[in-house]
Amino acid sequence: MTNDLPDRLSIDPDSPHYDEAAIGDGVGVRFKGEEKTNVEEYCVSEGWIRVQAGKALDRKGKPLTIKLKGPVEVYRKAPADDGEA
């Protein structure tokens, strides 16, 4: 957890844990040592992530999520470098 990433972050704009600035900088999540790209929300201190449960939607049109528990590690994604030689 470097660069002052929040302990808890959500990509849902209606969530109180939504932070557009942190998301815009690029956040990567490792769950149980494996890179995850489908994380809707995470909490490092409590050790869980929320991921979509298939294509199911709730009555408000938002995806249904499931909570997975285990070690969570977050990091800043490095910007892509287009000038490779």
C-alpha atoms as a PDB file:
ATOM      1  CA  MET A   1       0.000   0.000   0.000  1.00  0.00           C
ATOM      2  CA  THR A   2       2.131   2.818  -1.258  1.00  0.00           C
ATOM      3  CA  ASN A   3       1.306   6.301  -2.510  1.00  0.00           C
ATOM      4  CA  ASP A   4      -1.473   6.842   0.038  1.00  0.00           C
ATOM      5  CA  LEU A   5      -4.091   4.530  -1.459  1.00  0.00           C
ATOM      6  CA  PRO A   6      -7.329   4.417   0.542  1.00  0.00           C
ATOM      7  CA  ASP A   7      -7.989   1.461   2.846  1.00  0.00           C
ATOM      8  CA  ARG A   8     -11.393   1.005   1.218  1.00  0.00           C
ATOM      9  CA  LEU A   9     -12.329   1.979  -2.342  1.00  0.00           C
ATOM     10  CA  SER A  10     -15.349   1.423  -4.585  1.00  0.00           C
ATOM     11  CA  ILE A  11     -15.925   2.068  -8.303  1.00  0.00           C
ATOM     12  CA  ASP A  12     -19.648   2.738  -7.702  1.00  0.00           C
ATOM     13  CA  PRO A  13     -20.313   6.521  -7.761  1.00  0.00           C
ATOM     14  CA  ASP A  14     -23.217   6.072  -5.301  1.00  0.00           C
ATOM     15  CA  SER A  15     -20.940   4.499  -2.661  1.00  0.00           C
ATOM     16  CA  PRO A  16     -19.535   6.606   0.202  1.00  0.00           C
ATOM     17  CA  HIS A  17     -16.164   4.934  -0.520  1.00  0.00           C
ATOM     18  CA  TYR A  18     -16.001   6.187  -4.118  1.00  0.00           C
ATOM     19  CA  ASP A  19     -12.946   8.347  -4.907  1.00  0.00           C
ATOM     20  CA  GLU A  20     -12.633   9.422  -8.538  1.00  0.00           C
ATOM     21  CA  ALA A  21      -9.109  10.818  -8.071  1.00  0.00           C
ATOM     22  CA  ALA A  22      -7.766   7.519  -6.706  1.00  0.00           C
ATOM     23  CA  ILE A  23      -9.476   5.466  -9.420  1.00  0.00           C
ATOM     24  CA  GLY A  24      -8.283   7.786 -12.179  1.00  0.00           C
ATOM     25  CA  ASP A  25      -4.651   7.302 -11.141  1.00  0.00           C
ATOM     26  CA  GLY A  26      -4.979   3.556 -11.699  1.00  0.00           C
ATOM     27  CA  VAL A  27      -5.253   1.076  -8.853  1.00  0.00           C
ATOM     28  CA  GLY A  28      -4.248  -2.573  -9.081  1.00  0.00           C
ATOM     29  CA  VAL A  29      -5.545  -5.260  -6.735  1.00  0.00           C
ATOM     30  CA  ARG A  30      -3.895  -8.554  -5.816  1.00  0.00           C
ATOM     31  CA  PHE A  31      -6.154 -11.000  -3.995  1.00  0.00           C
ATOM     32  CA  LYS A  32      -4.528 -14.100  -2.495  1.00  0.00           C
ATOM     33  CA  GLY A  33      -1.449 -13.335  -4.586  1.00  0.00           C
ATOM     34  CA  GLU A  34      -3.371 -13.223  -7.882  1.00  0.00           C
ATOM     35  CA  GLU A  35      -3.991 -10.114 -10.006  1.00  0.00           C
ATOM     36  CA  LYS A  36      -7.716  -9.251 -10.166  1.00  0.00           C
ATOM     37  CA  THR A  37      -9.204  -6.947 -12.797  1.00  0.00           C
ATOM     38  CA  ASN A  38     -12.911  -7.335 -11.987  1.00  0.00           C
ATOM     39  CA  VAL A  39     -12.963  -5.844  -8.470  1.00  0.00           C
ATOM     40  CA  GLU A  40     -15.938  -3.583  -7.682  1.00  0.00           C
ATOM     41  CA  GLU A  41     -14.830  -2.694  -4.131  1.00  0.00           C
ATOM     42  CA  TYR A  42     -12.066  -3.649  -1.711  1.00  0.00           C
ATOM     43  CA  CYS A  43     -11.149  -3.232   1.938  1.00  0.00           C
ATOM     44  CA  VAL A  44      -7.538  -3.941   2.900  1.00  0.00           C
ATOM     45  CA  SER A  45      -7.918  -3.776   6.701  1.00  0.00           C
ATOM     46  CA  GLU A  46     -10.889  -6.188   6.759  1.00  0.00           C
ATOM     47  CA  GLY A  47      -9.398  -8.443   4.043  1.00  0.00           C
ATOM     48  CA  TRP A  48     -12.139  -8.679   1.401  1.00  0.00           C
ATOM     49  CA  ILE A  49     -13.050  -7.739  -2.160  1.00  0.00           C
ATOM     50  CA  ARG A  50     -16.370  -7.569  -4.002  1.00  0.00           C
ATOM     51  CA  VAL A  51     -16.605  -8.950  -7.532  1.00  0.00           C
ATOM     52  CA  GLN A  52     -19.514  -9.283  -9.952  1.00  0.00           C
ATOM     53  CA  ALA A  53     -21.611 -12.438  -9.673  1.00  0.00           C
ATOM     54  CA  GLY A  54     -22.078 -13.231 -13.347  1.00  0.00           C
ATOM     55  CA  LYS A  55     -24.336 -11.004 -15.427  1.00  0.00           C
ATOM     56  CA  ALA A  56     -27.111 -10.747 -12.836  1.00  0.00           C
ATOM     57  CA  LEU A  57     -28.443  -7.280 -12.000  1.00  0.00           C
ATOM     58  CA  ASP A  58     -30.362  -6.009  -8.997  1.00  0.00           C
ATOM     59  CA  ARG A  59     -33.637  -4.119  -9.324  1.00  0.00           C
ATOM     60  CA  LYS A  60     -31.772  -0.805  -9.689  1.00  0.00           C
ATOM     61  CA  GLY A  61     -29.765  -2.151 -12.647  1.00  0.00           C
ATOM     62  CA  LYS A  62     -26.472  -2.519 -10.788  1.00  0.00           C
ATOM     63  CA  PRO A  63     -24.506  -5.773 -10.930  1.00  0.00           C
ATOM     64  CA  LEU A  64     -24.912  -8.243  -8.083  1.00  0.00           C
ATOM     65  CA  THR A  65     -21.673  -8.771  -6.212  1.00  0.00           C
ATOM     66  CA  ILE A  66     -20.201 -11.392  -3.930  1.00  0.00           C
ATOM     67  CA  LYS A  67     -17.695 -10.834  -1.130  1.00  0.00           C
ATOM     68  CA  LEU A  68     -14.498 -12.873  -1.183  1.00  0.00           C
ATOM     69  CA  LYS A  69     -12.337 -12.948   1.961  1.00  0.00           C
ATOM     70  CA  GLY A  70      -8.570 -13.231   2.020  1.00  0.00           C
ATOM     71  CA  PRO A  71      -5.382 -11.159   1.898  1.00  0.00           C
ATOM     72  CA  VAL A  72      -5.770  -8.010  -0.222  1.00  0.00           C
ATOM     73  CA  GLU A  73      -2.862  -6.013  -1.614  1.00  0.00           C
ATOM     74  CA  VAL A  74      -3.354  -2.761  -3.542  1.00  0.00           C
ATOM     75  CA  TYR A  75      -0.857  -0.755  -5.581  1.00  0.00           C
ATOM     76  CA  ARG A  76      -0.625   2.064  -8.093  1.00  0.00           C
ATOM     77  CA  LYS A  77      -0.485   0.922 -11.689  1.00  0.00           C
ATOM     78  CA  ALA A  78       2.493   2.257 -13.604  1.00  0.00           C
ATOM     79  CA  PRO A  79       1.562   4.381 -16.631  1.00  0.00           C
ATOM     80  CA  ALA A  80       2.099   2.589 -19.963  1.00  0.00           C
ATOM     81  CA  ASP A  81       5.332   3.679 -21.647  1.00  0.00           C
ATOM     82  CA  ASP A  82       4.866   4.013 -25.426  1.00  0.00           C
ATOM     83  CA  GLY A  83       8.517   4.832 -26.153  1.00  0.00           C
ATOM     84  CA  GLU A  84       9.979   1.308 -26.005  1.00  0.00           C
ATOM     85  CA  ALA A  85      13.117   0.758 -28.111  1.00  0.00           C
END
